[in-house]
PDB file of N, CA and C in Angstrom:
ATOM      1  N   UNK A   1     -31.502  30.081  33.361  1.00  0.00           N
ATOM      2  CA  UNK A   1     -31.792  31.471  33.619  1.00  0.00           C
ATOM      3  C   UNK A   1     -32.075  32.145  32.293  1.00  0.00           C
ATOM      4  N   UNK A   2     -33.043  32.999  32.313  1.00  0.00           N
ATOM      5  CA  UNK A   2     -33.412  33.613  31.054  1.00  0.00           C
ATOM      6  C   UNK A   2     -33.104  35.093  30.985  1.00  0.00           C
ATOM      7  N   UNK A   3     -32.721  35.714  32.086  1.00  0.00           N
ATOM      8  CA  UNK A   3     -32.411  37.139  32.091  1.00  0.00           C
ATOM      9  C   UNK A   3     -31.172  37.403  32.924  1.00  0.00           C
ATOM     10  N   UNK A   4     -30.653  38.623  32.844  1.00  0.00           N
ATOM     11  CA  UNK A   4     -29.386  38.902  33.502  1.00  0.00           C
ATOM     12  C   UNK A   4     -29.494  39.780  34.730  1.00  0.00           C
ATOM     13  N   UNK A   5     -30.597  40.462  34.951  1.00  0.00           N
ATOM     14  CA  UNK A   5     -30.679  41.430  36.043  1.00  0.00           C
ATOM     15  C   UNK A   5     -31.657  40.990  37.126  1.00  0.00           C
ATOM     16  N   UNK A   6     -31.208  41.058  38.369  1.00  0.00           N
ATOM     17  CA  UNK A   6     -32.038  40.638  39.497  1.00  0.00           C
ATOM     18  C   UNK A   6     -33.306  41.473  39.597  1.00  0.00           C
ATOM     19  N   UNK A   7     -33.245  42.734  39.228  1.00  0.00           N
ATOM     20  CA  UNK A   7     -34.423  43.602  39.327  1.00  0.00           C
ATOM     21  C   UNK A   7     -35.548  43.176  38.396  1.00  0.00           C
ATOM     22  N   UNK A   8     -35.211  42.448  37.340  1.00  0.00           N
ATOM     23  CA  UNK A   8     -36.206  42.047  36.352  1.00  0.00           C
ATOM     24  C   UNK A   8     -36.728  40.625  36.552  1.00  0.00           C
ATOM     25  N   UNK A   9     -36.109  39.875  37.435  1.00  0.00           N
ATOM     26  CA  UNK A   9     -36.449  38.462  37.600  1.00  0.00           C
ATOM     27  C   UNK A   9     -37.531  38.266  38.645  1.00  0.00           C
ATOM     28  N   UNK A  10     -38.370  37.303  38.424  1.00  0.00           N
ATOM     29  CA  UNK A  10     -39.396  36.928  39.401  1.00  0.00           C
ATOM     30  C   UNK A  10     -38.757  36.198  40.578  1.00  0.00           C
ATOM     31  N   UNK A  11     -37.766  35.360  40.295  1.00  0.00           N
ATOM     32  CA  UNK A  11     -37.057  34.602  41.325  1.00  0.00           C
ATOM     33  C   UNK A  11     -35.573  34.960  41.251  1.00  0.00           C
ATOM     34  N   UNK A  12     -34.997  35.260  42.410  1.00  0.00           N
ATOM     35  CA  UNK A  12     -33.575  35.559  42.505  1.00  0.00           C
ATOM     36  C   UNK A  12     -32.962  34.609  43.518  1.00  0.00           C
ATOM     37  N   UNK A  13     -31.872  33.975  43.125  1.00  0.00           N
ATOM     38  CA  UNK A  13     -31.138  33.093  44.031  1.00  0.00           C
ATOM     39  C   UNK A  13     -29.783  33.738  44.295  1.00  0.00           C
ATOM     40  N   UNK A  14     -29.567  34.172  45.531  1.00  0.00           N
ATOM     41  CA  UNK A  14     -28.280  34.706  45.951  1.00  0.00           C
ATOM     42  C   UNK A  14     -27.437  33.524  46.395  1.00  0.00           C
ATOM     43  N   UNK A  15     -26.281  33.360  45.762  1.00  0.00           N
ATOM     44  CA  UNK A  15     -25.454  32.188  46.033  1.00  0.00           C
ATOM     45  C   UNK A  15     -23.982  32.548  45.894  1.00  0.00           C
ATOM     46  N   UNK A  16     -23.147  31.526  45.933  1.00  0.00           N
ATOM     47  CA  UNK A  16     -21.708  31.729  45.726  1.00  0.00           C
ATOM     48  C   UNK A  16     -21.135  30.478  45.081  1.00  0.00           C
ATOM     49  N   UNK A  17     -20.001  30.667  44.441  1.00  0.00           N
ATOM     50  CA  UNK A  17     -19.304  29.548  43.791  1.00  0.00           C
ATOM     51  C   UNK A  17     -18.867  28.528  44.836  1.00  0.00           C
ATOM     52  N   UNK A  18     -18.910  27.254  44.458  1.00  0.00           N
ATOM     53  CA  UNK A  18     -18.430  26.194  45.326  1.00  0.00           C
ATOM     54  C   UNK A  18     -19.368  25.818  46.451  1.00  0.00           C
ATOM     55  N   UNK A  19     -20.591  26.290  46.406  1.00  0.00           N
ATOM     56  CA  UNK A  19     -21.587  26.019  47.457  1.00  0.00           C
ATOM     57  C   UNK A  19     -22.527  24.914  46.973  1.00  0.00           C
ATOM     58  N   UNK A  20     -22.440  23.738  47.590  1.00  0.00           N
ATOM     59  CA  UNK A  20     -23.277  22.624  47.131  1.00  0.00           C
ATOM     60  C   UNK A  20     -24.758  22.869  47.389  1.00  0.00           C
ATOM     61  N   UNK A  21     -25.098  23.552  48.478  1.00  0.00           N
ATOM     62  CA  UNK A  21     -26.509  23.882  48.723  1.00  0.00           C
ATOM     63  C   UNK A  21     -27.024  24.857  47.666  1.00  0.00           C
ATOM     64  N   UNK A  22     -26.154  25.760  47.241  1.00  0.00           N
ATOM     65  CA  UNK A  22     -26.536  26.715  46.195  1.00  0.00           C
ATOM     66  C   UNK A  22     -26.844  25.989  44.891  1.00  0.00           C
ATOM     67  N   UNK A  23     -25.984  25.058  44.535  1.00  0.00           N
ATOM     68  CA  UNK A  23     -26.184  24.302  43.304  1.00  0.00           C
ATOM     69  C   UNK A  23     -27.502  23.536  43.341  1.00  0.00           C
ATOM     70  N   UNK A  24     -27.809  22.917  44.474  1.00  0.00           N
ATOM     71  CA  UNK A  24     -29.055  22.167  44.613  1.00  0.00           C
ATOM     72  C   UNK A  24     -30.263  23.104  44.520  1.00  0.00           C
ATOM     73  N   UNK A  25     -30.186  24.255  45.177  1.00  0.00           N
ATOM     74  CA  UNK A  25     -31.284  25.227  45.138  1.00  0.00           C
ATOM     75  C   UNK A  25     -31.500  25.737  43.724  1.00  0.00           C
ATOM     76  N   UNK A  26     -30.429  26.024  43.026  1.00  0.00           N
ATOM     77  CA  UNK A  26     -30.533  26.519  41.658  1.00  0.00           C
ATOM     78  C   UNK A  26     -31.182  25.489  40.740  1.00  0.00           C
ATOM     79  N   UNK A  27     -30.893  24.214  40.961  1.00  0.00           N
ATOM     80  CA  UNK A  27     -31.525  23.157  40.157  1.00  0.00           C
ATOM     81  C   UNK A  27     -33.032  23.130  40.386  1.00  0.00           C
ATOM     82  N   UNK A  28     -33.453  23.213  41.645  1.00  0.00           N
ATOM     83  CA  UNK A  28     -34.879  23.210  41.962  1.00  0.00           C
ATOM     84  C   UNK A  28     -35.558  24.416  41.321  1.00  0.00           C
ATOM     85  N   UNK A  29     -34.964  25.581  41.480  1.00  0.00           N
ATOM     86  CA  UNK A  29     -35.540  26.804  40.906  1.00  0.00           C
ATOM     87  C   UNK A  29     -35.625  26.684  39.386  1.00  0.00           C
ATOM     88  N   UNK A  30     -34.552  26.247  38.750  1.00  0.00           N
ATOM     89  CA  UNK A  30     -34.534  26.124  37.292  1.00  0.00           C
ATOM     90  C   UNK A  30     -35.629  25.189  36.797  1.00  0.00           C
ATOM     91  N   UNK A  31     -35.827  24.069  37.470  1.00  0.00           N
ATOM     92  CA  UNK A  31     -36.856  23.114  37.067  1.00  0.00           C
ATOM     93  C   UNK A  31     -38.251  23.713  37.203  1.00  0.00           C
ATOM     94  N   UNK A  32     -38.500  24.381  38.328  1.00  0.00           N
ATOM     95  CA  UNK A  32     -39.837  24.926  38.553  1.00  0.00           C
ATOM     96  C   UNK A  32     -40.161  26.088  37.630  1.00  0.00           C
ATOM     97  N   UNK A  33     -39.218  26.993  37.421  1.00  0.00           N
ATOM     98  CA  UNK A  33     -39.523  28.114  36.536  1.00  0.00           C
ATOM     99  C   UNK A  33     -39.634  27.664  35.081  1.00  0.00           C
ATOM    100  N   UNK A  34     -38.993  26.563  34.733  1.00  0.00           N
ATOM    101  CA  UNK A  34     -39.180  26.001  33.397  1.00  0.00           C
ATOM    102  C   UNK A  34     -40.629  25.541  33.221  1.00  0.00           C
ATOM    103  N   UNK A  35     -41.219  25.039  34.289  1.00  0.00           N
ATOM    104  CA  UNK A  35     -42.625  24.613  34.255  1.00  0.00           C
ATOM    105  C   UNK A  35     -43.577  25.805  34.209  1.00  0.00           C
ATOM    106  N   UNK A  36     -43.259  26.849  34.965  1.00  0.00           N
ATOM    107  CA  UNK A  36     -44.183  27.972  35.104  1.00  0.00           C
ATOM    108  C   UNK A  36     -43.959  29.070  34.073  1.00  0.00           C
ATOM    109  N   UNK A  37     -42.790  29.081  33.441  1.00  0.00           N
ATOM    110  CA  UNK A  37     -42.478  30.121  32.470  1.00  0.00           C
ATOM    111  C   UNK A  37     -41.974  31.412  33.095  1.00  0.00           C
ATOM    112  N   UNK A  38     -41.709  31.397  34.393  1.00  0.00           N
ATOM    113  CA  UNK A  38     -41.186  32.576  35.076  1.00  0.00           C
ATOM    114  C   UNK A  38     -39.691  32.724  34.815  1.00  0.00           C
ATOM    115  N   UNK A  39     -39.166  33.920  35.089  1.00  0.00           N
ATOM    116  CA  UNK A  39     -37.747  34.200  34.946  1.00  0.00           C
ATOM    117  C   UNK A  39     -37.052  34.067  36.286  1.00  0.00           C
ATOM    118  N   UNK A  40     -35.767  33.704  36.231  1.00  0.00           N
ATOM    119  CA  UNK A  40     -34.964  33.666  37.454  1.00  0.00           C
ATOM    120  C   UNK A  40     -33.540  34.061  37.115  1.00  0.00           C
ATOM    121  N   UNK A  41     -32.829  34.450  38.137  1.00  0.00           N
ATOM    122  CA  UNK A  41     -31.435  34.829  37.965  1.00  0.00           C
ATOM    123  C   UNK A  41     -30.649  34.418  39.207  1.00  0.00           C
ATOM    124  N   UNK A  42     -29.388  34.085  38.973  1.00  0.00           N
ATOM    125  CA  UNK A  42     -28.459  33.761  40.055  1.00  0.00           C
ATOM    126  C   UNK A  42     -27.574  34.973  40.259  1.00  0.00           C
ATOM    127  N   UNK A  43     -27.403  35.374  41.523  1.00  0.00           N
ATOM    128  CA  UNK A  43     -26.524  36.485  41.855  1.00  0.00           C
ATOM    129  C   UNK A  43     -25.444  35.952  42.792  1.00  0.00           C
ATOM    130  N   UNK A  44     -24.191  36.094  42.369  1.00  0.00           N
ATOM    131  CA  UNK A  44     -23.060  35.647  43.178  1.00  0.00           C
ATOM    132  C   UNK A  44     -22.767  36.727  44.218  1.00  0.00           C
ATOM    133  N   UNK A  45     -22.977  36.407  45.488  1.00  0.00           N
ATOM    134  CA  UNK A  45     -22.797  37.414  46.540  1.00  0.00           C
ATOM    135  C   UNK A  45     -21.346  37.849  46.693  1.00  0.00           C
ATOM    136  N   UNK A  46     -20.421  37.022  46.229  1.00  0.00           N
ATOM    137  CA  UNK A  46     -19.014  37.361  46.379  1.00  0.00           C
ATOM    138  C   UNK A  46     -18.545  38.429  45.384  1.00  0.00           C
ATOM    139  N   UNK A  47     -19.431  38.847  44.490  1.00  0.00           N
ATOM    140  CA  UNK A  47     -19.070  39.901  43.543  1.00  0.00           C
ATOM    141  C   UNK A  47     -19.370  41.288  44.094  1.00  0.00           C
ATOM    142  N   UNK A  48     -20.093  41.349  45.213  1.00  0.00           N
ATOM    143  CA  UNK A  48     -20.462  42.642  45.791  1.00  0.00           C
ATOM    144  C   UNK A  48     -20.326  42.599  47.312  1.00  0.00           C
ATOM    145  N   UNK A  49     -19.472  43.452  47.882  1.00  0.00           N
ATOM    146  CA  UNK A  49     -19.237  43.435  49.331  1.00  0.00           C
ATOM    147  C   UNK A  49     -20.510  43.606  50.163  1.00  0.00           C
ATOM    148  N   UNK A  50     -21.458  44.414  49.708  1.00  0.00           N
ATOM    149  CA  UNK A  50     -22.677  44.595  50.496  1.00  0.00           C
ATOM    150  C   UNK A  50     -23.518  43.326  50.530  1.00  0.00           C
ATOM    151  N   UNK A  51     -23.492  42.549  49.451  1.00  0.00           N
ATOM    152  CA  UNK A  51     -24.209  41.271  49.455  1.00  0.00           C
ATOM    153  C   UNK A  51     -23.498  40.249  50.342  1.00  0.00           C
ATOM    154  N   UNK A  52     -22.170  40.258  50.324  1.00  0.00           N
ATOM    155  CA  UNK A  52     -21.409  39.374  51.218  1.00  0.00           C
ATOM    156  C   UNK A  52     -21.766  39.659  52.667  1.00  0.00           C
ATOM    157  N   UNK A  53     -21.811  40.928  53.010  1.00  0.00           N
ATOM    158  CA  UNK A  53     -22.125  41.319  54.380  1.00  0.00           C
ATOM    159  C   UNK A  53     -23.567  40.966  54.742  1.00  0.00           C
ATOM    160  N   UNK A  54     -24.469  41.168  53.807  1.00  0.00           N
ATOM    161  CA  UNK A  54     -25.895  40.921  54.070  1.00  0.00           C
ATOM    162  C   UNK A  54     -26.200  39.439  54.262  1.00  0.00           C
ATOM    163  N   UNK A  55     -25.631  38.589  53.405  1.00  0.00           N
ATOM    164  CA  UNK A  55     -26.004  37.170  53.417  1.00  0.00           C
ATOM    165  C   UNK A  55     -24.971  36.258  54.065  1.00  0.00           C
ATOM    166  N   UNK A  56     -23.742  36.678  54.218  1.00  0.00           N
ATOM    167  CA  UNK A  56     -22.644  35.912  54.817  1.00  0.00           C
ATOM    168  C   UNK A  56     -22.725  34.438  54.467  1.00  0.00           C
ATOM    169  N   UNK A  57     -22.961  33.594  55.449  1.00  0.00           N
ATOM    170  CA  UNK A  57     -23.005  32.143  55.230  1.00  0.00           C
ATOM    171  C   UNK A  57     -24.431  31.614  55.092  1.00  0.00           C
ATOM    172  N   UNK A  58     -25.383  32.485  54.891  1.00  0.00           N
ATOM    173  CA  UNK A  58     -26.786  32.080  54.823  1.00  0.00           C
ATOM    174  C   UNK A  58     -27.189  31.596  53.436  1.00  0.00           C
ATOM    175  N   UNK A  59     -26.293  31.614  52.479  1.00  0.00           N
ATOM    176  CA  UNK A  59     -26.625  31.237  51.109  1.00  0.00           C
ATOM    177  C   UNK A  59     -26.872  29.750  50.967  1.00  0.00           C
ATOM    178  N   UNK A  60     -27.701  29.372  50.013  1.00  0.00           N
ATOM    179  CA  UNK A  60     -28.412  30.235  49.093  1.00  0.00           C
ATOM    180  C   UNK A  60     -29.616  30.901  49.762  1.00  0.00           C
ATOM    181  N   UNK A  61     -29.922  32.090  49.286  1.00  0.00           N
ATOM    182  CA  UNK A  61     -31.112  32.801  49.724  1.00  0.00           C
ATOM    183  C   UNK A  61     -31.961  33.030  48.490  1.00  0.00           C
ATOM    184  N   UNK A  62     -33.225  32.628  48.572  1.00  0.00           N
ATOM    185  CA  UNK A  62     -34.127  32.737  47.435  1.00  0.00           C
ATOM    186  C   UNK A  62     -35.167  33.814  47.705  1.00  0.00           C
ATOM    187  N   UNK A  63     -35.332  34.689  46.731  1.00  0.00           N
ATOM    188  CA  UNK A  63     -36.358  35.732  46.785  1.00  0.00           C
ATOM    189  C   UNK A  63     -37.371  35.468  45.684  1.00  0.00           C
ATOM    190  N   UNK A  64     -38.630  35.694  45.997  1.00  0.00           N
ATOM    191  CA  UNK A  64     -39.705  35.611  45.011  1.00  0.00           C
ATOM    192  C   UNK A  64     -40.450  36.936  45.052  1.00  0.00           C
ATOM    193  N   UNK A  65     -40.582  37.557  43.901  1.00  0.00           N
ATOM    194  CA  UNK A  65     -41.268  38.845  43.794  1.00  0.00           C
ATOM    195  C   UNK A  65     -40.704  39.875  44.765  1.00  0.00           C
ATOM    196  N   UNK A  66     -39.386  39.857  44.936  1.00  0.00           N
ATOM    197  CA  UNK A  66     -38.720  40.854  45.762  1.00  0.00           C
ATOM    198  C   UNK A  66     -38.735  40.599  47.258  1.00  0.00           C
ATOM    199  N   UNK A  67     -39.324  39.489  47.681  1.00  0.00           N
ATOM    200  CA  UNK A  67     -39.374  39.160  49.114  1.00  0.00           C
ATOM    201  C   UNK A  67     -38.628  37.857  49.372  1.00  0.00           C
ATOM    202  N   UNK A  68     -37.923  37.815  50.520  1.00  0.00           N
ATOM    203  CA  UNK A  68     -37.195  36.593  50.856  1.00  0.00           C
ATOM    204  C   UNK A  68     -38.170  35.447  51.021  1.00  0.00           C
ATOM    205  N   UNK A  69     -37.828  34.345  50.369  1.00  0.00           N
ATOM    206  CA  UNK A  69     -38.695  33.165  50.373  1.00  0.00           C
ATOM    207  C   UNK A  69     -38.087  32.026  51.202  1.00  0.00           C
ATOM    208  N   UNK A  70     -36.836  31.714  50.954  1.00  0.00           N
ATOM    209  CA  UNK A  70     -36.155  30.602  51.628  1.00  0.00           C
ATOM    210  C   UNK A  70     -34.676  30.913  51.767  1.00  0.00           C
ATOM    211  N   UNK A  71     -34.011  30.178  52.642  1.00  0.00           N
ATOM    212  CA  UNK A  71     -32.552  30.170  52.654  1.00  0.00           C
ATOM    213  C   UNK A  71     -32.086  28.760  52.969  1.00  0.00           C
ATOM    214  N   UNK A  72     -30.900  28.452  52.528  1.00  0.00           N
ATOM    215  CA  UNK A  72     -30.223  27.158  52.597  1.00  0.00           C
ATOM    216  C   UNK A  72     -30.827  26.107  51.683  1.00  0.00           C
ATOM    217  N   UNK A  73     -32.115  25.942  51.688  1.00  0.00           N
ATOM    218  CA  UNK A  73     -32.755  24.941  50.822  1.00  0.00           C
ATOM    219  C   UNK A  73     -34.000  25.557  50.192  1.00  0.00           C
ATOM    220  N   UNK A  74     -34.386  25.012  49.033  1.00  0.00           N
ATOM    221  CA  UNK A  74     -35.613  25.451  48.374  1.00  0.00           C
ATOM    222  C   UNK A  74     -36.590  24.294  48.416  1.00  0.00           C
ATOM    223  N   UNK A  75     -37.733  24.522  49.046  1.00  0.00           N
ATOM    224  CA  UNK A  75     -38.804  23.527  49.081  1.00  0.00           C
ATOM    225  C   UNK A  75     -39.629  23.691  47.803  1.00  0.00           C
ATOM    226  N   UNK A  76     -39.632  22.677  46.933  1.00  0.00           N
ATOM    227  CA  UNK A  76     -40.333  22.807  45.652  1.00  0.00           C
ATOM    228  C   UNK A  76     -41.827  23.103  45.804  1.00  0.00           C
ATOM    229  N   UNK A  77     -42.468  22.512  46.786  1.00  0.00           N
ATOM    230  CA  UNK A  77     -43.900  22.739  46.998  1.00  0.00           C
ATOM    231  C   UNK A  77     -44.170  24.191  47.389  1.00  0.00           C
ATOM    232  N   UNK A  78     -43.374  24.710  48.300  1.00  0.00           N
ATOM    233  CA  UNK A  78     -43.543  26.110  48.724  1.00  0.00           C
ATOM    234  C   UNK A  78     -43.246  27.077  47.585  1.00  0.00           C
ATOM    235  N   UNK A  79     -42.185  26.795  46.820  1.00  0.00           N
ATOM    236  CA  UNK A  79     -41.848  27.672  45.706  1.00  0.00           C
ATOM    237  C   UNK A  79     -42.939  27.642  44.644  1.00  0.00           C
ATOM    238  N   UNK A  80     -43.443  26.476  44.325  1.00  0.00           N
ATOM    239  CA  UNK A  80     -44.534  26.365  43.341  1.00  0.00           C
ATOM    240  C   UNK A  80     -45.741  27.180  43.802  1.00  0.00           C
ATOM    241  N   UNK A  81     -46.080  27.093  45.086  1.00  0.00           N
ATOM    242  CA  UNK A  81     -47.220  27.850  45.632  1.00  0.00           C
ATOM    243  C   UNK A  81     -46.972  29.359  45.553  1.00  0.00           C
ATOM    244  N   UNK A  82     -45.753  29.776  45.853  1.00  0.00           N
ATOM    245  CA  UNK A  82     -45.420  31.203  45.790  1.00  0.00           C
ATOM    246  C   UNK A  82     -45.517  31.717  44.359  1.00  0.00           C
ATOM    247  N   UNK A  83     -45.081  30.944  43.413  1.00  0.00           N
ATOM    248  CA  UNK A  83     -45.153  31.354  42.014  1.00  0.00           C
ATOM    249  C   UNK A  83     -46.595  31.372  41.510  1.00  0.00           C
ATOM    250  N   UNK A  84     -47.414  30.496  42.042  1.00  0.00           N
ATOM    251  CA  UNK A  84     -48.830  30.463  41.641  1.00  0.00           C
ATOM    252  C   UNK A  84     -49.589  31.675  42.161  1.00  0.00           C
ATOM    253  N   UNK A  85     -49.141  32.219  43.290  1.00  0.00           N
ATOM    254  CA  UNK A  85     -49.817  33.388  43.881  1.00  0.00           C
ATOM    255  C   UNK A  85     -49.596  34.657  43.071  1.00  0.00           C
ATOM    256  N   UNK A  86     -48.532  34.692  42.309  1.00  0.00           N
ATOM    257  CA  UNK A  86     -48.160  35.919  41.618  1.00  0.00           C
ATOM    258  C   UNK A  86     -49.027  36.218  40.480  1.00  0.00           C
TER     259      UNK A  86
END
């Protein structure tokens, strides 16, 4: 991750500690944005009650350019295509 604020990142991964799907999604995102030079950030939903309520057990949830892209898993081909469109 290269930045700290979700508002500034091209890709945002909403996740939580101890979530194996979150860890896998974050790895895919990190690899792809390293290739494209885009920024990404991880947001722990358990740090904010409104995020806990919004995403509950749906994590990880990936947003690209402010729009929901995927949840539970990140498809590298789809993410690469979404980043290319920007």
